[in-house]
Amino acid sequence: MSYYNRLHPWCVIRCLPKAQTLIVARFRKRGDADNYLNTLRRLMPNGRFELMFDPETEPTAWVADPASRTYSGDIPPAASNYDRL
């Protein structure tokens, strides 16, 4: 995830056929996103646009493989239950 996306969590998305979406613009403030959304709806009345909050947080979950005693992730766990196996 880019730094820009973390700083701009409010998204104006366009709803497309077959349950697809397209991010049209990203904003830091909800008020700016609302104003842009209203402008788009006036200019393109047949288009479907929605406002969405998308924080895009990085997954930090650990996946442990007891067979190989390895972990996947960024930071090793403080204590392992697999050491007692």
C-alpha atoms as a PDB file:
ATOM      1  CA  MET A   1       0.000   0.000   0.000  1.00  0.00           C
ATOM      2  CA  SER A   2       1.382   3.385  -0.910  1.00  0.00           C
ATOM      3  CA  TYR A   3       1.833   6.273   1.471  1.00  0.00           C
ATOM      4  CA  TYR A   4      -0.650   8.327  -0.570  1.00  0.00           C
ATOM      5  CA  ASN A   5      -3.384   5.704  -0.094  1.00  0.00           C
ATOM      6  CA  ARG A   6      -2.819   5.672   3.669  1.00  0.00           C
ATOM      7  CA  LEU A   7      -3.227   9.451   3.817  1.00  0.00           C
ATOM      8  CA  HIS A   8      -6.354   9.511   1.635  1.00  0.00           C
ATOM      9  CA  PRO A   9      -8.815   6.928   3.018  1.00  0.00           C
ATOM     10  CA  TRP A  10     -12.036   8.420   1.569  1.00  0.00           C
ATOM     11  CA  CYS A  11     -12.736   7.004  -1.901  1.00  0.00           C
ATOM     12  CA  VAL A  12     -15.261   7.873  -4.550  1.00  0.00           C
ATOM     13  CA  ILE A  13     -15.944   4.659  -6.442  1.00  0.00           C
ATOM     14  CA  ARG A  14     -17.840   3.948  -9.627  1.00  0.00           C
ATOM     15  CA  CYS A  15     -20.037   0.859  -9.595  1.00  0.00           C
ATOM     16  CA  LEU A  16     -19.617  -1.132 -12.784  1.00  0.00           C
ATOM     17  CA  PRO A  17     -21.474  -4.180 -14.137  1.00  0.00           C
ATOM     18  CA  LYS A  18     -20.748  -7.667 -12.788  1.00  0.00           C
ATOM     19  CA  ALA A  19     -20.035  -6.391  -9.244  1.00  0.00           C
ATOM     20  CA  GLN A  20     -16.879  -4.537 -10.280  1.00  0.00           C
ATOM     21  CA  THR A  21     -15.783  -1.219  -8.829  1.00  0.00           C
ATOM     22  CA  LEU A  22     -13.352   1.470  -9.903  1.00  0.00           C
ATOM     23  CA  ILE A  23     -11.775   4.003  -7.551  1.00  0.00           C
ATOM     24  CA  VAL A  24     -12.282   7.364  -9.239  1.00  0.00           C
ATOM     25  CA  ALA A  25     -10.611   9.597  -6.633  1.00  0.00           C
ATOM     26  CA  ARG A  26      -9.212   9.528  -3.078  1.00  0.00           C
ATOM     27  CA  PHE A  27      -9.502  12.268  -0.444  1.00  0.00           C
ATOM     28  CA  ARG A  28      -8.238  12.995   3.052  1.00  0.00           C
ATOM     29  CA  LYS A  29     -11.480  14.594   4.239  1.00  0.00           C
ATOM     30  CA  ARG A  30     -14.987  13.244   3.931  1.00  0.00           C
ATOM     31  CA  GLY A  31     -16.396  16.672   3.098  1.00  0.00           C
ATOM     32  CA  ASP A  32     -14.119  16.953   0.051  1.00  0.00           C
ATOM     33  CA  ALA A  33     -15.169  13.472  -1.082  1.00  0.00           C
ATOM     34  CA  ASP A  34     -18.872  14.343  -0.633  1.00  0.00           C
ATOM     35  CA  ASN A  35     -18.498  17.501  -2.722  1.00  0.00           C
ATOM     36  CA  TYR A  36     -16.731  15.596  -5.499  1.00  0.00           C
ATOM     37  CA  LEU A  37     -19.376  12.863  -5.380  1.00  0.00           C
ATOM     38  CA  ASN A  38     -22.194  15.404  -5.722  1.00  0.00           C
ATOM     39  CA  THR A  39     -20.428  17.013  -8.701  1.00  0.00           C
ATOM     40  CA  LEU A  40     -19.996  13.642 -10.409  1.00  0.00           C
ATOM     41  CA  ARG A  41     -23.653  12.775  -9.846  1.00  0.00           C
ATOM     42  CA  ARG A  42     -24.740  16.075 -11.437  1.00  0.00           C
ATOM     43  CA  LEU A  43     -22.406  15.689 -14.440  1.00  0.00           C
ATOM     44  CA  MET A  44     -23.099  11.987 -14.989  1.00  0.00           C
ATOM     45  CA  PRO A  45     -26.655  11.295 -13.750  1.00  0.00           C
ATOM     46  CA  ASN A  46     -26.717   7.784 -15.281  1.00  0.00           C
ATOM     47  CA  GLY A  47     -23.496   6.681 -13.571  1.00  0.00           C
ATOM     48  CA  ARG A  48     -23.536   4.949 -10.183  1.00  0.00           C
ATOM     49  CA  PHE A  49     -21.055   6.470  -7.735  1.00  0.00           C
ATOM     50  CA  GLU A  50     -20.614   5.725  -4.044  1.00  0.00           C
ATOM     51  CA  LEU A  51     -18.515   7.025  -1.175  1.00  0.00           C
ATOM     52  CA  MET A  52     -16.389   4.516   0.712  1.00  0.00           C
ATOM     53  CA  PHE A  53     -13.966   4.654   3.643  1.00  0.00           C
ATOM     54  CA  ASP A  54     -10.991   2.450   2.770  1.00  0.00           C
ATOM     55  CA  PRO A  55      -8.193   2.563   5.361  1.00  0.00           C
ATOM     56  CA  GLU A  56      -6.254  -0.212   3.534  1.00  0.00           C
ATOM     57  CA  THR A  57      -4.420  -1.504   6.559  1.00  0.00           C
ATOM     58  CA  GLU A  58      -1.612  -3.980   6.065  1.00  0.00           C
ATOM     59  CA  PRO A  59      -2.406  -7.498   7.272  1.00  0.00           C
ATOM     60  CA  THR A  60      -0.271  -8.328  10.284  1.00  0.00           C
ATOM     61  CA  ALA A  61      -1.620 -11.784  11.005  1.00  0.00           C
ATOM     62  CA  TRP A  62       0.880 -14.548  11.558  1.00  0.00           C
ATOM     63  CA  VAL A  63       0.584 -17.854   9.806  1.00  0.00           C
ATOM     64  CA  ALA A  64       2.370 -20.637  11.622  1.00  0.00           C
ATOM     65  CA  ASP A  65       3.310 -23.911   9.966  1.00  0.00           C
ATOM     66  CA  PRO A  66       3.869 -26.452  12.738  1.00  0.00           C
ATOM     67  CA  ALA A  67       5.425 -29.005  10.396  1.00  0.00           C
ATOM     68  CA  SER A  68       8.277 -26.751   9.294  1.00  0.00           C
ATOM     69  CA  ARG A  69       8.287 -24.569  12.439  1.00  0.00           C
ATOM     70  CA  THR A  70       8.357 -21.437  10.266  1.00  0.00           C
ATOM     71  CA  TYR A  71       6.338 -18.239  10.425  1.00  0.00           C
ATOM     72  CA  SER A  72       5.276 -15.890   7.686  1.00  0.00           C
ATOM     73  CA  GLY A  73       4.924 -12.210   8.491  1.00  0.00           C
ATOM     74  CA  ASP A  74       6.969  -9.107   9.207  1.00  0.00           C
ATOM     75  CA  ILE A  75       7.708  -9.409  12.931  1.00  0.00           C
ATOM     76  CA  PRO A  76       8.446 -12.692  14.697  1.00  0.00           C
ATOM     77  CA  PRO A  77       6.044 -13.614  17.509  1.00  0.00           C
ATOM     78  CA  ALA A  78       7.148 -13.000  21.098  1.00  0.00           C
ATOM     79  CA  ALA A  79       6.374 -16.535  22.244  1.00  0.00           C
ATOM     80  CA  SER A  80       5.647 -19.624  20.237  1.00  0.00           C
ATOM     81  CA  ASN A  81       3.279 -22.419  21.146  1.00  0.00           C
ATOM     82  CA  TYR A  82       4.981 -24.621  18.584  1.00  0.00           C
ATOM     83  CA  ASP A  83       8.200 -24.770  20.616  1.00  0.00           C
ATOM     84  CA  ARG A  84       6.368 -27.019  23.087  1.00  0.00           C
ATOM     85  CA  LEU A  85       5.293 -29.595  20.486  1.00  0.00           C
END
